[in-house]
Amino acid sequence: MRHLDANALRQSNGYVGEKRTAGIVARHFLVLKKSVDSDGADFVLGLPIQSVEHERERAKGIPTFAVVQAKFFERGTTVYVNPSYAIDDGGARSNFFLFLHTDDEHGEHIKYFLTAEEVISLPTGENGLKRFSLTAENDRSEFRERTIEQIITLMHSGMEAYHDRCTTEYFEKVTLPLRMRSSSNARELRTEYLLMRISLPCTPIRPEDDDERVVFARSANNSVTRPLDARWDLFQTTGTWNWGGKGEGSKLLAMSILAHYLGWDAAPTHEQQMAFLLKVVAKLDKDRDHVVIGEQIEAALSGLI
């Protein structure tokens, strides 16, 4: 019977803690209640909706959420928190927050608010969990005296830090490698660009002999050869590679080679594109393969050709 009473008390305290926390955060955040308490989350909070348009625009980016754990405890008892909830990649989980609730001797509600960093700073019990308790020597007033405005500011700050971190990690893991593939990231004179024609067989769709033009970039440092990305984002055209002229295909080739050679953080100017086009790309024999090297690019850009 004691075991059942303990479970019932635990469930009752959990319910009270969640209701009191929801009453605070619901005014400032979009509150999502998890059906199963996992990874320390009683609630998942999103930033408030300003408008339908703003919400849809925000949904296209990396989401920003806060993870909230809520507890109610009887005075004189100890609250234990799994430290793994507050740690991510060895550091404080900036979007994790802990609300603790209790009542004073007069039945008045008292709340305590802790960030992940503060949870980590709590003493560790023999069971390996972080221990929160009130004593005559330490009443944890630093966590109790925070106003609602201070709490919301801390939560917003943590969510923004988490969003910045996620954005940075996404950029480093996904976007940066893709962009680096499209650039040499160094003006290396020995970098080579291989312009090749590939003969295509006759087909019912293409009854005449034809060729496809492909371009590769070969690194001067490690001899790695990769297909050159067509930079339609910098020069908009429906065509593809070409050389030996001043048309759309040759302009696309000039812009794409320059974008790779100069580096992904410096988009070529129109003047650079036209100089390279007129002094190098347009002079190539359109019916032959070619190798363009960094020295030719530098000479075109410096006006030496």
Protein backbone atom coordinates (compact mmCIF):
# COMPACT_ATOMS: atom_id res chain seq x y z
CA MET A 1 0.00 0.00 0.00
CA ARG A 2 2.89 2.35 0.79
CA HIS A 3 4.30 1.72 -2.70
CA LEU A 4 0.98 2.62 -4.28
CA ASP A 5 0.70 5.71 -2.09
CA ALA A 6 4.22 6.78 -3.12
CA ASN A 7 3.36 6.39 -6.81
CA ALA A 8 0.13 8.30 -6.36
CA LEU A 9 1.97 11.12 -4.55
CA ARG A 10 4.62 11.24 -7.27
CA GLN A 11 2.00 11.48 -9.99
CA SER A 12 0.08 14.12 -8.06
CA ASN A 13 3.22 16.22 -7.52
CA GLY A 14 4.12 15.88 -11.18
CA TYR A 15 0.69 17.08 -12.20
CA VAL A 16 0.88 20.09 -9.87
CA GLY A 17 4.36 21.01 -11.09
CA GLU A 18 3.33 20.84 -14.74
CA LYS A 19 0.16 22.90 -14.20
CA ARG A 20 2.00 25.66 -12.36
CA THR A 21 4.75 25.74 -15.00
CA ALA A 22 2.24 25.84 -17.83
CA GLY A 23 0.57 28.81 -16.18
CA ILE A 24 3.85 30.73 -16.42
CA VAL A 25 5.13 29.79 -19.87
CA ALA A 26 1.80 29.67 -21.73
CA ARG A 27 1.63 33.45 -21.75
CA HIS A 28 4.97 33.80 -23.50
CA PHE A 29 5.55 30.67 -25.61
CA LEU A 30 3.85 28.12 -27.81
CA VAL A 31 3.50 25.19 -25.39
CA LEU A 32 3.58 21.58 -26.59
CA LYS A 33 2.93 18.85 -24.01
CA LYS A 34 4.83 15.63 -24.59
CA SER A 35 2.72 12.51 -24.26
CA VAL A 36 5.73 10.66 -22.80
CA ASP A 37 8.34 12.27 -20.55
CA SER A 38 11.60 11.66 -22.43
CA ASP A 39 15.00 13.37 -22.34
CA GLY A 40 13.83 15.51 -19.44
CA ALA A 41 11.02 17.15 -21.39
CA ASP A 42 7.66 17.68 -19.73
CA PHE A 43 7.07 20.50 -22.21
CA VAL A 44 8.55 21.59 -25.52
CA LEU A 45 8.25 25.33 -26.05
CA GLY A 46 8.29 27.28 -29.28
CA LEU A 47 8.59 31.02 -29.74
CA PRO A 48 5.23 32.81 -29.79
CA ILE A 49 3.36 33.21 -33.07
CA GLN A 50 3.35 36.81 -34.26
CA SER A 51 1.35 36.20 -37.43
CA VAL A 52 0.47 33.37 -39.78
CA GLU A 53 2.93 34.69 -42.34
CA HIS A 54 5.70 34.93 -39.75
CA GLU A 55 5.00 31.41 -38.52
CA ARG A 56 5.15 29.94 -42.03
CA GLU A 57 8.36 31.80 -42.81
CA ARG A 58 9.94 30.63 -39.55
CA ALA A 59 8.91 27.03 -40.27
CA LYS A 60 11.16 27.09 -43.35
CA GLY A 61 14.25 27.57 -41.21
CA ILE A 62 15.92 25.66 -38.39
CA PRO A 63 13.37 25.36 -35.55
CA THR A 64 14.03 26.92 -32.15
CA PHE A 65 12.63 25.01 -29.18
CA ALA A 66 13.07 24.93 -25.43
CA VAL A 67 12.88 21.79 -23.31
CA VAL A 68 11.29 22.28 -19.89
CA GLN A 69 11.12 19.93 -16.93
CA ALA A 70 8.64 20.75 -14.17
CA LYS A 71 8.51 19.34 -10.63
CA PHE A 72 6.61 19.95 -7.41
CA PHE A 73 8.20 18.96 -4.10
CA GLU A 74 7.15 18.92 -0.48
CA ARG A 75 9.18 21.16 1.80
CA GLY A 76 11.84 19.18 3.60
CA THR A 77 12.26 16.73 0.71
CA THR A 78 14.97 16.53 -1.94
CA VAL A 79 14.50 16.86 -5.70
CA TYR A 80 16.74 14.79 -7.98
CA VAL A 81 17.44 15.68 -11.61
CA ASN A 82 19.23 13.52 -14.17
CA PRO A 83 22.28 15.61 -15.19
CA SER A 84 22.22 14.16 -18.72
CA TYR A 85 19.08 16.23 -19.37
CA ALA A 86 21.10 19.43 -18.95
CA ILE A 87 24.19 18.35 -20.91
CA ASP A 88 24.69 18.23 -24.66
CA ASP A 89 28.02 17.46 -26.35
CA GLY A 90 29.84 17.90 -23.05
CA GLY A 91 28.45 21.37 -22.33
CA ALA A 92 25.34 22.95 -20.91
CA ARG A 93 22.24 22.38 -23.00
CA SER A 94 21.29 26.00 -23.54
CA ASN A 95 17.64 25.25 -24.36
CA PHE A 96 16.94 23.15 -21.23
CA PHE A 97 15.22 24.73 -18.22
CA LEU A 98 13.97 23.45 -14.88
CA PHE A 99 10.98 24.74 -12.92
CA LEU A 100 10.60 23.63 -9.30
CA HIS A 101 7.50 24.43 -7.26
CA THR A 102 6.59 24.12 -3.61
CA ASP A 103 4.43 25.84 -0.96
CA ASP A 104 5.59 27.78 2.05
CA GLU A 105 4.28 27.29 5.59
CA HIS A 106 1.31 29.51 4.75
CA GLY A 107 0.38 27.60 1.61
CA GLU A 108 1.68 30.30 -0.73
CA HIS A 109 3.13 29.12 -4.03
CA ILE A 110 6.90 29.39 -4.44
CA LYS A 111 8.77 28.76 -7.70
CA TYR A 112 12.43 28.11 -8.45
CA PHE A 113 13.89 28.45 -11.94
CA LEU A 114 17.23 26.97 -13.11
CA THR A 115 19.04 27.03 -16.43
CA ALA A 116 20.93 23.97 -17.64
CA GLU A 117 24.21 25.45 -16.46
CA GLU A 118 22.77 25.95 -12.99
CA VAL A 119 21.40 22.42 -12.89
CA ILE A 120 24.88 21.12 -13.68
CA SER A 121 26.31 23.22 -10.82
CA LEU A 122 24.07 21.51 -8.22
CA PRO A 123 25.71 18.97 -5.90
CA THR A 124 25.66 15.37 -6.99
CA GLY A 125 23.99 12.77 -4.80
CA GLU A 126 25.17 9.22 -4.15
CA ASN A 127 22.81 8.03 -6.88
CA GLY A 128 24.66 10.14 -9.46
CA LEU A 129 21.77 12.57 -9.86
CA LYS A 130 21.86 16.31 -9.24
CA ARG A 131 20.39 17.17 -5.84
CA PHE A 132 18.21 20.21 -5.03
CA SER A 133 17.13 20.78 -1.43
CA LEU A 134 16.37 23.65 0.88
CA THR A 135 18.33 23.99 4.09
CA ALA A 136 18.74 26.58 6.82
CA GLU A 137 22.18 27.34 5.45
CA ASN A 138 21.09 27.58 1.81
CA ASP A 139 17.52 28.44 0.85
CA ARG A 140 18.39 28.71 -2.87
CA SER A 141 17.08 32.26 -2.93
CA GLU A 142 19.08 33.01 -6.11
CA PHE A 143 16.72 30.70 -8.01
CA ARG A 144 13.59 31.77 -6.15
CA GLU A 145 13.80 35.54 -6.46
CA ARG A 146 13.74 35.71 -10.26
CA THR A 147 10.84 37.62 -11.75
CA ILE A 148 8.78 36.33 -14.64
CA GLU A 149 10.45 38.89 -16.89
CA GLN A 150 13.91 37.65 -15.89
CA ILE A 151 12.89 34.04 -16.48
CA ILE A 152 11.47 34.74 -19.93
CA THR A 153 14.59 36.71 -20.87
CA LEU A 154 16.83 33.82 -19.81
CA MET A 155 14.72 31.37 -21.78
CA HIS A 156 14.72 33.53 -24.91
CA SER A 157 18.49 33.93 -24.63
CA GLY A 158 19.02 30.18 -24.26
CA MET A 159 16.74 29.40 -27.21
CA GLU A 160 18.56 31.90 -29.40
CA ALA A 161 21.92 30.43 -28.41
CA TYR A 162 20.61 26.96 -29.23
CA HIS A 163 19.31 28.20 -32.60
CA ASP A 164 22.68 29.80 -33.41
CA ARG A 165 24.48 26.61 -32.50
CA CYS A 166 22.16 24.46 -34.63
CA THR A 167 22.57 26.85 -37.54
CA THR A 168 26.36 26.78 -37.22
CA GLU A 169 26.48 22.99 -37.00
CA TYR A 170 24.15 22.64 -39.99
CA PHE A 171 26.31 25.04 -41.98
CA GLU A 172 29.50 23.18 -41.06
CA LYS A 173 28.12 19.69 -41.66
CA VAL A 174 25.93 20.29 -44.71
CA THR A 175 26.09 23.70 -46.32
CA LEU A 176 29.81 24.39 -46.01
CA PRO A 177 30.97 21.12 -47.65
CA LEU A 178 28.56 21.74 -50.53
CA ARG A 179 29.77 25.29 -51.00
CA MET A 180 33.41 24.30 -50.60
CA ARG A 181 32.89 21.73 -53.35
CA SER A 182 31.95 24.68 -55.54
CA SER A 183 35.14 26.59 -54.79
CA SER A 184 38.88 26.21 -54.50
CA ASN A 185 38.87 28.61 -51.53
CA ALA A 186 42.34 29.72 -52.64
CA ARG A 187 43.66 31.52 -55.70
CA GLU A 188 46.14 28.83 -56.65
CA LEU A 189 47.86 29.50 -59.98
CA ARG A 190 48.23 25.77 -60.70
CA THR A 191 44.51 25.00 -60.32
CA GLU A 192 43.28 23.43 -63.56
CA TYR A 193 39.89 23.49 -65.27
CA LEU A 194 39.34 20.69 -67.76
CA LEU A 195 36.91 21.57 -70.56
CA MET A 196 35.87 18.38 -72.35
CA ARG A 197 33.47 17.33 -75.08
CA ILE A 198 31.81 13.91 -74.79
CA SER A 199 30.37 12.40 -77.95
CA LEU A 200 26.82 11.13 -77.61
CA PRO A 201 25.38 8.31 -79.74
CA CYS A 202 22.45 8.82 -82.08
CA THR A 203 19.05 8.10 -80.54
CA PRO A 204 15.43 8.52 -81.72
CA ILE A 205 15.33 11.71 -79.67
CA ARG A 206 18.71 12.88 -80.97
CA PRO A 207 19.02 11.59 -84.54
CA GLU A 208 22.22 13.54 -85.31
CA ASP A 209 25.63 13.08 -83.77
CA ASP A 210 26.06 15.48 -80.90
CA ASP A 211 28.36 16.12 -78.00
CA GLU A 212 27.92 17.10 -74.37
CA ARG A 213 30.28 19.54 -72.73
CA VAL A 214 31.54 18.82 -69.22
CA VAL A 215 33.93 20.75 -66.98
CA PHE A 216 36.11 19.47 -64.15
CA ALA A 217 38.19 21.32 -61.56
CA ARG A 218 41.49 19.80 -60.48
CA SER A 219 43.02 20.96 -57.19
CA ALA A 220 46.62 22.08 -57.33
CA ASN A 221 47.24 20.86 -53.78
CA ASN A 222 46.08 17.25 -53.91
CA SER A 223 45.23 16.62 -57.59
CA VAL A 224 41.62 15.80 -56.64
CA THR A 225 39.37 16.22 -59.68
CA ARG A 226 35.68 17.04 -59.25
CA PRO A 227 32.91 18.16 -61.60
CA LEU A 228 32.61 21.93 -61.61
CA ASP A 229 29.26 23.16 -60.35
CA ALA A 230 27.35 25.39 -62.74
CA ARG A 231 26.69 28.63 -60.86
CA TRP A 232 23.21 29.38 -62.11
CA ASP A 233 22.72 31.24 -58.84
CA LEU A 234 25.27 33.84 -59.99
CA PHE A 235 24.43 33.91 -63.70
CA GLN A 236 20.88 32.98 -64.56
CA THR A 237 20.43 31.16 -67.84
CA THR A 238 18.54 28.11 -69.04
CA GLY A 239 21.59 26.92 -70.99
CA THR A 240 24.65 24.96 -70.00
CA TRP A 241 28.40 25.03 -70.65
CA ASN A 242 29.97 26.35 -73.81
CA TRP A 243 33.19 28.00 -74.91
CA GLY A 244 34.62 29.64 -77.99
CA GLY A 245 32.07 32.46 -78.06
CA LYS A 246 30.34 35.21 -76.12
CA GLY A 247 26.93 33.58 -75.67
CA GLU A 248 25.02 32.46 -72.59
CA GLY A 249 26.90 29.17 -72.27
CA SER A 250 30.29 30.88 -72.38
CA LYS A 251 29.18 33.49 -69.84
CA LEU A 252 27.98 30.72 -67.51
CA LEU A 253 31.32 28.95 -67.87
CA ALA A 254 33.27 32.15 -67.15
CA MET A 255 31.22 32.91 -64.04
CA SER A 256 31.39 29.34 -62.71
CA ILE A 257 35.16 29.02 -63.14
CA LEU A 258 35.74 32.41 -61.53
CA ALA A 259 33.44 31.59 -58.60
CA HIS A 260 35.36 28.39 -57.96
CA TYR A 261 38.77 29.97 -58.37
CA LEU A 262 38.19 33.12 -56.32
CA GLY A 263 36.49 31.28 -53.44
CA TRP A 264 32.94 30.84 -52.17
CA ASP A 265 33.04 33.95 -49.97
CA ALA A 266 33.68 36.36 -52.88
CA ALA A 267 31.20 36.33 -55.76
CA PRO A 268 32.81 37.47 -59.06
CA THR A 269 31.81 40.88 -60.34
CA HIS A 270 30.32 41.47 -63.77
CA GLU A 271 33.56 43.19 -64.80
CA GLN A 272 35.62 40.14 -63.78
CA GLN A 273 33.24 37.85 -65.63
CA MET A 274 33.46 39.88 -68.84
CA ALA A 275 37.26 40.23 -68.65
CA PHE A 276 37.72 36.47 -68.28
CA LEU A 277 35.08 35.79 -70.94
CA LEU A 278 36.57 38.07 -73.59
CA LYS A 279 40.25 37.38 -72.89
CA VAL A 280 40.13 33.61 -72.36
CA VAL A 281 36.82 31.75 -72.79
CA ALA A 282 35.72 33.41 -76.05
CA LYS A 283 39.13 32.74 -77.68
CA LEU A 284 39.02 28.96 -77.12
CA ASP A 285 38.33 26.66 -80.07
CA LYS A 286 34.73 25.58 -79.56
CA ASP A 287 35.40 22.19 -81.20
CA ARG A 288 38.33 21.14 -78.99
CA ASP A 289 39.03 20.19 -75.40
CA HIS A 290 40.99 22.63 -73.26
CA VAL A 291 42.74 23.07 -69.94
CA VAL A 292 42.46 26.51 -68.31
CA ILE A 293 44.83 27.20 -65.42
CA GLY A 294 44.91 29.73 -62.65
CA GLU A 295 47.69 31.73 -64.31
CA GLN A 296 45.40 32.47 -67.26
CA ILE A 297 42.66 33.63 -64.94
CA GLU A 298 44.98 35.96 -63.04
CA ALA A 299 46.36 37.36 -66.27
CA ALA A 300 42.84 38.07 -67.58
CA LEU A 301 41.83 39.77 -64.36
CA SER A 302 44.98 41.86 -64.19
CA GLY A 303 44.74 43.01 -67.81
CA LEU A 304 47.96 41.27 -68.93
CA ILE A 305 46.33 39.48 -71.85
